[in-house]
PDB file of N, CA and C in Angstrom:
ATOM      1  N   MET A   1      34.688 -69.558-129.864  1.00  0.00           N
ATOM      2  CA  MET A   1      33.164 -70.300-129.116  1.00  0.00           C
ATOM      3  C   MET A   1      32.097 -70.833-129.860  1.00  0.00           C
ATOM      4  N   HIS A   2      32.655 -71.492-130.827  1.00  0.00           N
ATOM      5  CA  HIS A   2      31.301 -72.401-131.235  1.00  0.00           C
ATOM      6  C   HIS A   2      30.284 -73.143-130.250  1.00  0.00           C
ATOM      7  N   GLY A   3      29.356 -73.012-130.291  1.00  0.00           N
ATOM      8  CA  GLY A   3      28.494 -73.632-129.602  1.00  0.00           C
ATOM      9  C   GLY A   3      28.012 -72.994-128.259  1.00  0.00           C
ATOM     10  N   GLN A   4      28.770 -71.646-127.903  1.00  0.00           N
ATOM     11  CA  GLN A   4      28.234 -71.390-126.821  1.00  0.00           C
ATOM     12  C   GLN A   4      27.648 -69.797-127.287  1.00  0.00           C
ATOM     13  N   ARG A   5      26.761 -69.406-126.718  1.00  0.00           N
ATOM     14  CA  ARG A   5      26.052 -68.350-126.868  1.00  0.00           C
ATOM     15  C   ARG A   5      26.031 -67.329-126.477  1.00  0.00           C
ATOM     16  N   LEU A   6      26.344 -66.328-127.097  1.00  0.00           N
ATOM     17  CA  LEU A   6      26.461 -64.515-126.828  1.00  0.00           C
ATOM     18  C   LEU A   6      25.196 -64.167-126.334  1.00  0.00           C
ATOM     19  N   ARG A   7      24.581 -64.487-125.238  1.00  0.00           N
ATOM     20  CA  ARG A   7      23.284 -63.826-124.872  1.00  0.00           C
ATOM     21  C   ARG A   7      23.143 -62.919-124.195  1.00  0.00           C
ATOM     22  N   HIS A   8      24.174 -62.215-123.816  1.00  0.00           N
ATOM     23  CA  HIS A   8      24.440 -61.222-123.003  1.00  0.00           C
ATOM     24  C   HIS A   8      24.897 -59.907-123.679  1.00  0.00           C
ATOM     25  N   THR A   9      24.647 -58.653-123.534  1.00  0.00           N
ATOM     26  CA  THR A   9      25.404 -57.648-124.011  1.00  0.00           C
ATOM     27  C   THR A   9      25.819 -56.966-122.651  1.00  0.00           C
ATOM     28  N   VAL A  10      27.303 -56.388-122.873  1.00  0.00           N
ATOM     29  CA  VAL A  10      27.998 -55.507-121.917  1.00  0.00           C
ATOM     30  C   VAL A  10      28.636 -54.249-122.250  1.00  0.00           C
ATOM     31  N   ARG A  11      28.661 -53.106-121.337  1.00  0.00           N
ATOM     32  CA  ARG A  11      29.043 -51.930-122.400  1.00  0.00           C
ATOM     33  C   ARG A  11      30.309 -52.028-121.432  1.00  0.00           C
ATOM     34  N   VAL A  12      31.772 -51.565-122.519  1.00  0.00           N
ATOM     35  CA  VAL A  12      33.017 -51.429-122.155  1.00  0.00           C
ATOM     36  C   VAL A  12      33.024 -50.085-122.268  1.00  0.00           C
ATOM     37  N   MET A  13      33.731 -50.030-120.746  1.00  0.00           N
ATOM     38  CA  MET A  13      33.865 -48.746-119.860  1.00  0.00           C
ATOM     39  C   MET A  13      35.107 -48.409-119.181  1.00  0.00           C
ATOM     40  N   LYS A  14      35.662 -47.029-120.098  1.00  0.00           N
ATOM     41  CA  LYS A  14      36.811 -46.564-119.962  1.00  0.00           C
ATOM     42  C   LYS A  14      36.829 -45.904-118.912  1.00  0.00           C
ATOM     43  N   PRO A  15      38.240 -45.983-118.224  1.00  0.00           N
ATOM     44  CA  PRO A  15      38.042 -44.424-117.047  1.00  0.00           C
ATOM     45  C   PRO A  15      38.858 -43.456-117.492  1.00  0.00           C
ATOM     46  N   VAL A  16      38.234 -42.297-117.250  1.00  0.00           N
ATOM     47  CA  VAL A  16      38.404 -41.199-117.322  1.00  0.00           C
ATOM     48  C   VAL A  16      39.131 -40.305-116.178  1.00  0.00           C
ATOM     49  N   HIS A  17      40.129 -39.954-116.275  1.00  0.00           N
ATOM     50  CA  HIS A  17      40.685 -39.235-114.965  1.00  0.00           C
ATOM     51  C   HIS A  17      40.527 -37.587-114.976  1.00  0.00           C
ATOM     52  N   THR A  18      39.860 -36.987-114.346  1.00  0.00           N
ATOM     53  CA  THR A  18      39.931 -35.298-114.023  1.00  0.00           C
ATOM     54  C   THR A  18      40.206 -34.962-112.542  1.00  0.00           C
ATOM     55  N   ARG A  19      40.541 -33.773-112.609  1.00  0.00           N
ATOM     56  CA  ARG A  19      40.622 -32.925-111.056  1.00  0.00           C
ATOM     57  C   ARG A  19      39.077 -32.302-110.961  1.00  0.00           C
ATOM     58  N   SER A  20      39.598 -32.369-109.338  1.00  0.00           N
ATOM     59  CA  SER A  20      38.126 -31.684-108.988  1.00  0.00           C
ATOM     60  C   SER A  20      38.614 -30.085-108.891  1.00  0.00           C
ATOM     61  N   ASP A  21      37.452 -28.928-108.280  1.00  0.00           N
ATOM     62  CA  ASP A  21      38.488 -27.708-108.364  1.00  0.00           C
ATOM     63  C   ASP A  21      39.276 -27.617-107.220  1.00  0.00           C
ATOM     64  N   LEU A  22      38.861 -28.717-105.872  1.00  0.00           N
ATOM     65  CA  LEU A  22      39.928 -28.848-105.100  1.00  0.00           C
ATOM     66  C   LEU A  22      41.520 -29.258-105.595  1.00  0.00           C
ATOM     67  N   GLY A  23      41.093 -29.834-106.723  1.00  0.00           N
ATOM     68  CA  GLY A  23      42.637 -30.707-107.365  1.00  0.00           C
ATOM     69  C   GLY A  23      42.650 -32.076-106.892  1.00  0.00           C
ATOM     70  N   GLU A  24      41.554 -32.496-106.416  1.00  0.00           N
ATOM     71  CA  GLU A  24      41.353 -34.137-106.356  1.00  0.00           C
ATOM     72  C   GLU A  24      41.336 -34.881-107.595  1.00  0.00           C
ATOM     73  N   ASP A  25      41.925 -35.908-107.068  1.00  0.00           N
ATOM     74  CA  ASP A  25      41.839 -36.991-108.579  1.00  0.00           C
ATOM     75  C   ASP A  25      40.580 -37.413-108.981  1.00  0.00           C
ATOM     76  N   GLN A  26      39.410 -37.758-109.767  1.00  0.00           N
ATOM     77  CA  GLN A  26      38.118 -38.213-109.877  1.00  0.00           C
ATOM     78  C   GLN A  26      38.304 -39.011-110.858  1.00  0.00           C
ATOM     79  N   ILE A  27      37.757 -40.172-110.945  1.00  0.00           N
ATOM     80  CA  ILE A  27      37.488 -40.851-111.885  1.00  0.00           C
ATOM     81  C   ILE A  27      35.878 -41.050-112.495  1.00  0.00           C
ATOM     82  N   SER A  28      35.710 -40.966-113.820  1.00  0.00           N
ATOM     83  CA  SER A  28      34.844 -41.439-114.368  1.00  0.00           C
ATOM     84  C   SER A  28      34.451 -42.532-115.535  1.00  0.00           C
ATOM     85  N   TRP A  29      33.772 -42.580-116.325  1.00  0.00           N
ATOM     86  CA  TRP A  29      33.586 -44.012-116.864  1.00  0.00           C
ATOM     87  C   TRP A  29      32.621 -43.900-117.711  1.00  0.00           C
ATOM     88  N   LEU A  30      33.569 -43.765-119.487  1.00  0.00           N
ATOM     89  CA  LEU A  30      32.748 -43.387-120.492  1.00  0.00           C
ATOM     90  C   LEU A  30      32.647 -44.869-121.538  1.00  0.00           C
ATOM     91  N   LYS A  31      31.659 -44.617-121.968  1.00  0.00           N
ATOM     92  CA  LYS A  31      31.029 -46.320-122.224  1.00  0.00           C
ATOM     93  C   LYS A  31      31.973 -45.734-123.721  1.00  0.00           C
ATOM     94  N   ILE A  32      32.515 -46.792-124.114  1.00  0.00           N
ATOM     95  CA  ILE A  32      33.137 -46.851-125.609  1.00  0.00           C
ATOM     96  C   ILE A  32      32.957 -48.037-126.343  1.00  0.00           C
ATOM     97  N   ALA A  33      32.096 -48.832-125.821  1.00  0.00           N
ATOM     98  CA  ALA A  33      31.333 -50.142-127.101  1.00  0.00           C
ATOM     99  C   ALA A  33      30.500 -50.552-126.122  1.00  0.00           C
ATOM    100  N   GLU A  34      29.637 -51.522-127.098  1.00  0.00           N
ATOM    101  CA  GLU A  34      28.853 -52.807-126.119  1.00  0.00           C
ATOM    102  C   GLU A  34      29.340 -54.015-127.060  1.00  0.00           C
ATOM    103  N   ARG A  35      29.291 -54.681-126.601  1.00  0.00           N
ATOM    104  CA  ARG A  35      29.918 -56.027-127.299  1.00  0.00           C
ATOM    105  C   ARG A  35      28.919 -57.555-126.599  1.00  0.00           C
ATOM    106  N   PRO A  36      28.338 -57.962-127.758  1.00  0.00           N
ATOM    107  CA  PRO A  36      27.785 -59.316-127.064  1.00  0.00           C
ATOM    108  C   PRO A  36      28.824 -59.983-126.347  1.00  0.00           C
ATOM    109  N   CYS A  37      28.090 -60.972-125.378  1.00  0.00           N
ATOM    110  CA  CYS A  37      29.403 -61.972-125.007  1.00  0.00           C
ATOM    111  C   CYS A  37      28.386 -63.244-124.444  1.00  0.00           C
ATOM    112  N   ALA A  38      29.258 -63.966-123.500  1.00  0.00           N
ATOM    113  CA  ALA A  38      28.781 -65.060-122.745  1.00  0.00           C
ATOM    114  C   ALA A  38      29.452 -64.768-121.637  1.00  0.00           C
ATOM    115  N   ILE A  39      28.552 -64.756-120.280  1.00  0.00           N
ATOM    116  CA  ILE A  39      28.900 -64.467-119.077  1.00  0.00           C
ATOM    117  C   ILE A  39      28.906 -65.806-118.273  1.00  0.00           C
ATOM    118  N   VAL A  40      30.217 -66.394-117.723  1.00  0.00           N
ATOM    119  CA  VAL A  40      30.203 -67.911-117.099  1.00  0.00           C
ATOM    120  C   VAL A  40      30.775 -67.728-115.715  1.00  0.00           C
ATOM    121  N   PRO A  41      29.931 -68.221-114.678  1.00  0.00           N
ATOM    122  CA  PRO A  41      30.273 -67.766-113.543  1.00  0.00           C
ATOM    123  C   PRO A  41      31.395 -68.782-113.292  1.00  0.00           C
ATOM    124  N   VAL A  42      32.171 -68.499-112.271  1.00  0.00           N
ATOM    125  CA  VAL A  42      33.365 -69.319-112.119  1.00  0.00           C
ATOM    126  C   VAL A  42      33.363 -70.119-110.995  1.00  0.00           C
ATOM    127  N   SER A  43      33.476 -71.976-111.010  1.00  0.00           N
ATOM    128  CA  SER A  43      32.893 -72.302-110.079  1.00  0.00           C
ATOM    129  C   SER A  43      33.834 -72.428-109.044  1.00  0.00           C
ATOM    130  N   ALA A  44      33.516 -73.126-108.167  1.00  0.00           N
ATOM    131  CA  ALA A  44      34.876 -73.288-106.750  1.00  0.00           C
ATOM    132  C   ALA A  44      35.652 -73.849-107.181  1.00  0.00           C
ATOM    133  N   ALA A  45      35.907 -75.027-108.148  1.00  0.00           N
ATOM    134  CA  ALA A  45      36.645 -75.907-108.238  1.00  0.00           C
ATOM    135  C   ALA A  45      37.748 -75.066-108.853  1.00  0.00           C
ATOM    136  N   ASP A  46      37.317 -73.952-110.428  1.00  0.00           N
ATOM    137  CA  ASP A  46      38.381 -73.232-110.843  1.00  0.00           C
ATOM    138  C   ASP A  46      38.897 -72.833-109.886  1.00  0.00           C
ATOM    139  N   ARG A  47      38.231 -71.928-108.643  1.00  0.00           N
ATOM    140  CA  ARG A  47      38.680 -70.602-108.337  1.00  0.00           C
ATOM    141  C   ARG A  47      39.769 -71.301-107.412  1.00  0.00           C
ATOM    142  N   THR A  48      40.428 -72.456-106.848  1.00  0.00           N
ATOM    143  CA  THR A  48      41.561 -73.350-106.166  1.00  0.00           C
ATOM    144  C   THR A  48      41.950 -74.037-107.012  1.00  0.00           C
ATOM    145  N   ARG A  49      43.599 -73.919-106.697  1.00  0.00           N
ATOM    146  CA  ARG A  49      44.391 -74.666-107.250  1.00  0.00           C
ATOM    147  C   ARG A  49      45.643 -75.041-106.297  1.00  0.00           C
ATOM    148  N   ALA A  50      45.395 -76.618-106.452  1.00  0.00           N
ATOM    149  CA  ALA A  50      46.364 -77.249-105.343  1.00  0.00           C
ATOM    150  C   ALA A  50      46.085 -76.760-104.258  1.00  0.00           C
ATOM    151  N   ASP A  51      44.615 -76.657-103.682  1.00  0.00           N
ATOM    152  CA  ASP A  51      44.063 -76.243-102.460  1.00  0.00           C
ATOM    153  C   ASP A  51      44.768 -75.144-102.198  1.00  0.00           C
ATOM    154  N   GLN A  52      45.017 -74.292-102.740  1.00  0.00           N
ATOM    155  CA  GLN A  52      45.101 -72.898-102.145  1.00  0.00           C
ATOM    156  C   GLN A  52      44.085 -71.765-103.548  1.00  0.00           C
ATOM    157  N   PRO A  53      43.566 -70.850-102.814  1.00  0.00           N
ATOM    158  CA  PRO A  53      42.538 -69.868-103.510  1.00  0.00           C
ATOM    159  C   PRO A  53      43.222 -69.242-104.511  1.00  0.00           C
ATOM    160  N   VAL A  54      42.864 -69.251-105.947  1.00  0.00           N
ATOM    161  CA  VAL A  54      43.622 -68.419-106.784  1.00  0.00           C
ATOM    162  C   VAL A  54      43.463 -66.998-107.153  1.00  0.00           C
ATOM    163  N   SER A  55      41.938 -66.418-107.320  1.00  0.00           N
ATOM    164  CA  SER A  55      41.868 -64.941-106.844  1.00  0.00           C
ATOM    165  C   SER A  55      40.439 -64.675-106.800  1.00  0.00           C
ATOM    166  N   ASP A  56      40.353 -63.966-106.970  1.00  0.00           N
ATOM    167  CA  ASP A  56      38.877 -62.969-106.601  1.00  0.00           C
ATOM    168  C   ASP A  56      38.104 -63.184-107.500  1.00  0.00           C
ATOM    169  N   VAL A  57      38.296 -63.870-109.060  1.00  0.00           N
ATOM    170  CA  VAL A  57      37.636 -64.055-110.090  1.00  0.00           C
ATOM    171  C   VAL A  57      36.347 -64.367-109.622  1.00  0.00           C
ATOM    172  N   THR A  58      35.603 -64.119-110.066  1.00  0.00           N
ATOM    173  CA  THR A  58      34.267 -64.642-110.231  1.00  0.00           C
ATOM    174  C   THR A  58      33.467 -64.755-111.413  1.00  0.00           C
ATOM    175  N   GLN A  59      33.906 -63.954-112.388  1.00  0.00           N
ATOM    176  CA  GLN A  59      33.108 -64.347-113.691  1.00  0.00           C
ATOM    177  C   GLN A  59      33.923 -64.891-114.828  1.00  0.00           C
ATOM    178  N   ARG A  60      33.866 -65.372-115.905  1.00  0.00           N
ATOM    179  CA  ARG A  60      34.533 -65.463-116.873  1.00  0.00           C
ATOM    180  C   ARG A  60      33.878 -65.229-118.101  1.00  0.00           C
ATOM    181  N   ILE A  61      34.272 -63.838-118.753  1.00  0.00           N
ATOM    182  CA  ILE A  61      33.414 -63.209-119.671  1.00  0.00           C
ATOM    183  C   ILE A  61      33.914 -63.509-121.145  1.00  0.00           C
ATOM    184  N   ARG A  62      33.186 -64.197-122.077  1.00  0.00           N
ATOM    185  CA  ARG A  62      33.743 -64.545-123.413  1.00  0.00           C
ATOM    186  C   ARG A  62      33.464 -63.710-124.274  1.00  0.00           C
ATOM    187  N   MET A  63      34.128 -63.127-125.110  1.00  0.00           N
ATOM    188  CA  MET A  63      33.236 -62.255-126.505  1.00  0.00           C
ATOM    189  C   MET A  63      34.505 -62.412-127.565  1.00  0.00           C
ATOM    190  N   TRP A  64      34.403 -62.218-128.931  1.00  0.00           N
ATOM    191  CA  TRP A  64      34.628 -62.055-130.124  1.00  0.00           C
ATOM    192  C   TRP A  64      35.762 -60.870-129.863  1.00  0.00           C
ATOM    193  N   TRP A  65      36.766 -61.108-130.324  1.00  0.00           N
ATOM    194  CA  TRP A  65      37.986 -60.119-130.170  1.00  0.00           C
ATOM    195  C   TRP A  65      37.793 -58.741-130.205  1.00  0.00           C
ATOM    196  N   TYR A  66      38.124 -57.977-129.258  1.00  0.00           N
ATOM    197  CA  TYR A  66      37.946 -56.380-129.197  1.00  0.00           C
ATOM    198  C   TYR A  66      39.448 -55.501-128.714  1.00  0.00           C
ATOM    199  N   GLU A  67      39.849 -54.943-129.732  1.00  0.00           N
ATOM    200  CA  GLU A  67      40.931 -54.705-129.714  1.00  0.00           C
ATOM    201  C   GLU A  67      41.109 -53.384-128.825  1.00  0.00           C
ATOM    202  N   GLY A  68      41.796 -53.447-128.112  1.00  0.00           N
ATOM    203  CA  GLY A  68      42.350 -52.284-127.292  1.00  0.00           C
ATOM    204  C   GLY A  68      41.481 -52.515-125.805  1.00  0.00           C
ATOM    205  N   LEU A  69      41.136 -53.740-125.583  1.00  0.00           N
ATOM    206  CA  LEU A  69      40.281 -53.856-124.045  1.00  0.00           C
ATOM    207  C   LEU A  69      41.748 -54.073-123.209  1.00  0.00           C
ATOM    208  N   ARG A  70      41.329 -53.462-121.755  1.00  0.00           N
ATOM    209  CA  ARG A  70      42.555 -53.796-121.242  1.00  0.00           C
ATOM    210  C   ARG A  70      41.969 -54.011-119.652  1.00  0.00           C
ATOM    211  N   HIS A  71      43.026 -54.027-118.955  1.00  0.00           N
ATOM    212  CA  HIS A  71      42.633 -54.287-117.291  1.00  0.00           C
ATOM    213  C   HIS A  71      42.080 -53.218-116.842  1.00  0.00           C
ATOM    214  N   ASP A  72      42.325 -52.147-117.298  1.00  0.00           N
ATOM    215  CA  ASP A  72      41.790 -50.856-116.242  1.00  0.00           C
ATOM    216  C   ASP A  72      40.374 -50.541-116.921  1.00  0.00           C
ATOM    217  N   HIS A  73      40.163 -51.506-117.682  1.00  0.00           N
ATOM    218  CA  HIS A  73      38.719 -50.904-118.509  1.00  0.00           C
ATOM    219  C   HIS A  73      37.732 -51.557-117.597  1.00  0.00           C
ATOM    220  N   ARG A  74      36.416 -51.650-117.462  1.00  0.00           N
ATOM    221  CA  ARG A  74      35.514 -52.528-116.987  1.00  0.00           C
ATOM    222  C   ARG A  74      34.205 -52.599-117.786  1.00  0.00           C
ATOM    223  N   LEU A  75      33.575 -53.974-117.184  1.00  0.00           N
ATOM    224  CA  LEU A  75      32.836 -54.382-118.006  1.00  0.00           C
ATOM    225  C   LEU A  75      31.133 -54.016-117.334  1.00  0.00           C
ATOM    226  N   GLU A  76      29.933 -53.534-117.706  1.00  0.00           N
ATOM    227  CA  GLU A  76      29.057 -53.111-117.299  1.00  0.00           C
ATOM    228  C   GLU A  76      27.803 -53.693-117.968  1.00  0.00           C
ATOM    229  N   MET A  77      26.267 -54.519-116.771  1.00  0.00           N
ATOM    230  CA  MET A  77      25.290 -54.899-117.523  1.00  0.00           C
ATOM    231  C   MET A  77      24.121 -55.147-116.767  1.00  0.00           C
ATOM    232  N   ASP A  78      23.103 -54.294-117.162  1.00  0.00           N
ATOM    233  CA  ASP A  78      22.100 -54.207-116.284  1.00  0.00           C
ATOM    234  C   ASP A  78      22.377 -53.870-114.569  1.00  0.00           C
ATOM    235  N   GLY A  79      23.128 -52.712-114.165  1.00  0.00           N
ATOM    236  CA  GLY A  79      23.485 -52.495-113.009  1.00  0.00           C
ATOM    237  C   GLY A  79      24.542 -53.467-112.137  1.00  0.00           C
ATOM    238  N   ARG A  80      25.228 -54.104-112.982  1.00  0.00           N
ATOM    239  CA  ARG A  80      26.107 -54.958-112.738  1.00  0.00           C
ATOM    240  C   ARG A  80      27.552 -54.674-113.375  1.00  0.00           C
ATOM    241  N   VAL A  81      28.368 -54.285-112.068  1.00  0.00           N
ATOM    242  CA  VAL A  81      29.458 -54.172-112.709  1.00  0.00           C
ATOM    243  C   VAL A  81      30.859 -55.551-112.596  1.00  0.00           C
ATOM    244  N   PHE A  82      31.575 -55.451-113.208  1.00  0.00           N
ATOM    245  CA  PHE A  82      32.661 -56.235-113.459  1.00  0.00           C
ATOM    246  C   PHE A  82      34.112 -55.457-113.874  1.00  0.00           C
ATOM    247  N   GLU A  83      34.875 -56.192-112.925  1.00  0.00           N
ATOM    248  CA  GLU A  83      36.157 -55.541-113.015  1.00  0.00           C
ATOM    249  C   GLU A  83      37.243 -56.395-113.633  1.00  0.00           C
ATOM    250  N   ILE A  84      37.428 -56.165-114.652  1.00  0.00           N
ATOM    251  CA  ILE A  84      38.826 -57.059-115.132  1.00  0.00           C
ATOM    252  C   ILE A  84      39.663 -56.993-114.520  1.00  0.00           C
ATOM    253  N   VAL A  85      40.273 -58.742-114.158  1.00  0.00           N
ATOM    254  CA  VAL A  85      41.454 -58.817-113.541  1.00  0.00           C
ATOM    255  C   VAL A  85      42.552 -59.197-114.636  1.00  0.00           C
ATOM    256  N   SER A  86      41.758 -59.691-116.253  1.00  0.00           N
ATOM    257  CA  SER A  86      43.032 -60.164-116.779  1.00  0.00           C
ATOM    258  C   SER A  86      42.220 -60.426-118.203  1.00  0.00           C
ATOM    259  N   VAL A  87      42.521 -60.115-119.390  1.00  0.00           N
ATOM    260  CA  VAL A  87      42.310 -60.246-120.781  1.00  0.00           C
ATOM    261  C   VAL A  87      43.068 -61.337-121.427  1.00  0.00           C
ATOM    262  N   ILE A  88      42.587 -62.461-121.448  1.00  0.00           N
ATOM    263  CA  ILE A  88      43.140 -63.385-122.353  1.00  0.00           C
ATOM    264  C   ILE A  88      43.056 -63.689-123.871  1.00  0.00           C
ATOM    265  N   ASN A  89      43.993 -63.242-124.760  1.00  0.00           N
ATOM    266  CA  ASN A  89      43.716 -63.468-126.289  1.00  0.00           C
ATOM    267  C   ASN A  89      43.827 -65.240-126.477  1.00  0.00           C
ATOM    268  N   ARG A  90      42.606 -65.743-126.512  1.00  0.00           N
ATOM    269  CA  ARG A  90      42.488 -67.262-126.908  1.00  0.00           C
ATOM    270  C   ARG A  90      43.047 -67.694-128.063  1.00  0.00           C
ATOM    271  N   ASP A  91      43.635 -68.483-128.064  1.00  0.00           N
ATOM    272  CA  ASP A  91      44.763 -69.040-128.790  1.00  0.00           C
ATOM    273  C   ASP A  91      45.458 -68.425-129.919  1.00  0.00           C
ATOM    274  N   GLU A  92      45.763 -66.758-128.748  1.00  0.00           N
ATOM    275  CA  GLU A  92      46.653 -65.862-129.702  1.00  0.00           C
ATOM    276  C   GLU A  92      46.362 -65.800-131.105  1.00  0.00           C
ATOM    277  N   ARG A  93      45.139 -65.739-131.979  1.00  0.00           N
ATOM    278  CA  ARG A  93      44.966 -65.404-132.756  1.00  0.00           C
ATOM    279  C   ARG A  93      43.919 -64.351-133.467  1.00  0.00           C
ATOM    280  N   ASN A  94      43.690 -63.209-132.192  1.00  0.00           N
ATOM    281  CA  ASN A  94      42.697 -61.978-132.158  1.00  0.00           C
ATOM    282  C   ASN A  94      41.545 -62.528-132.947  1.00  0.00           C
ATOM    283  N   LYS A  95      41.229 -63.728-132.642  1.00  0.00           N
ATOM    284  CA  LYS A  95      39.628 -63.891-132.853  1.00  0.00           C
ATOM    285  C   LYS A  95      38.810 -63.700-131.578  1.00  0.00           C
ATOM    286  N   THR A  96      38.914 -64.365-130.549  1.00  0.00           N
ATOM    287  CA  THR A  96      37.988 -64.430-129.380  1.00  0.00           C
ATOM    288  C   THR A  96      39.054 -64.224-128.382  1.00  0.00           C
ATOM    289  N   MET A  97      38.255 -63.475-126.980  1.00  0.00           N
ATOM    290  CA  MET A  97      38.501 -62.908-126.096  1.00  0.00           C
ATOM    291  C   MET A  97      37.945 -63.606-124.655  1.00  0.00           C
ATOM    292  N   GLU A  98      39.033 -63.718-123.751  1.00  0.00           N
ATOM    293  CA  GLU A  98      37.994 -63.744-122.194  1.00  0.00           C
ATOM    294  C   GLU A  98      38.401 -63.313-121.256  1.00  0.00           C
ATOM    295  N   CYS A  99      37.796 -62.687-120.640  1.00  0.00           N
ATOM    296  CA  CYS A  99      38.311 -61.409-119.376  1.00  0.00           C
ATOM    297  C   CYS A  99      37.610 -62.326-118.165  1.00  0.00           C
ATOM    298  N   LEU A 100      38.902 -62.489-117.955  1.00  0.00           N
ATOM    299  CA  LEU A 100      38.592 -63.142-116.211  1.00  0.00           C
ATOM    300  C   LEU A 100      37.733 -61.840-114.970  1.00  0.00           C
ATOM    301  N   CYS A 101      37.369 -61.909-114.754  1.00  0.00           N
ATOM    302  CA  CYS A 101      36.539 -60.626-113.751  1.00  0.00           C
ATOM    303  C   CYS A 101      36.202 -60.786-112.219  1.00  0.00           C
ATOM    304  N   THR A 102      36.103 -59.693-111.683  1.00  0.00           N
ATOM    305  CA  THR A 102      35.722 -59.750-110.441  1.00  0.00           C
ATOM    306  C   THR A 102      34.308 -58.848-110.400  1.00  0.00           C
ATOM    307  N   GLU A 103      32.841 -59.494-109.761  1.00  0.00           N
ATOM    308  CA  GLU A 103      32.002 -58.781-109.660  1.00  0.00           C
ATOM    309  C   GLU A 103      31.855 -57.739-108.949  1.00  0.00           C
ATOM    310  N   GLN A 104      31.536 -56.635-108.998  1.00  0.00           N
ATOM    311  CA  GLN A 104      31.533 -55.410-107.950  1.00  0.00           C
ATOM    312  C   GLN A 104      30.079 -55.399-107.595  1.00  0.00           C
ATOM    313  N   GLY A 105      29.713 -54.380-106.475  1.00  0.00           N
ATOM    314  CA  GLY A 105      28.347 -53.723-106.464  1.00  0.00           C
ATOM    315  C   GLY A 105      27.726 -53.018-107.172  1.00  0.00           C
ATOM    316  N   GLY A 106      26.550 -52.420-107.351  1.00  0.00           N
ATOM    317  CA  GLY A 106      26.162 -51.589-108.422  1.00  0.00           C
ATOM    318  C   GLY A 106      27.013 -50.897-109.137  1.00  0.00           C
ATOM    319  N   ALA A 107      26.250 -50.088-110.213  1.00  0.00           N
ATOM    320  CA  ALA A 107      27.186 -49.138-111.380  1.00  0.00           C
ATOM    321  C   ALA A 107      27.202 -48.019-110.813  1.00  0.00           C
ATOM    322  N   ALA A 108      28.471 -47.686-110.673  1.00  0.00           N
ATOM    323  CA  ALA A 108      28.527 -46.079-110.668  1.00  0.00           C
ATOM    324  C   ALA A 108      27.925 -45.299-110.829  1.00  0.00           C
TER     325      ALA A 108
END
């Protein structure tokens, strides 16, 4: 991430599954960390490969390596929610990572 400023801070949120009194599965989100990062919007060119849409990925979030970050976690910042589509170990060296994310509505 040389030359890239980590000017944002995201909260890493982990899903917590519980049961309601009626036995329904409920999901709440537990903050497990705060991490500096760079949020880079994905361009239309990045979202298309061979004239076919690749995915709904809207943001690329880059940060220093964080052990245990998984695609079922999510990232939050200032009321914005980023659902993680993929976690990439850049250079396979456990130094930096990139999360491909889809931005959702307001925080739950």
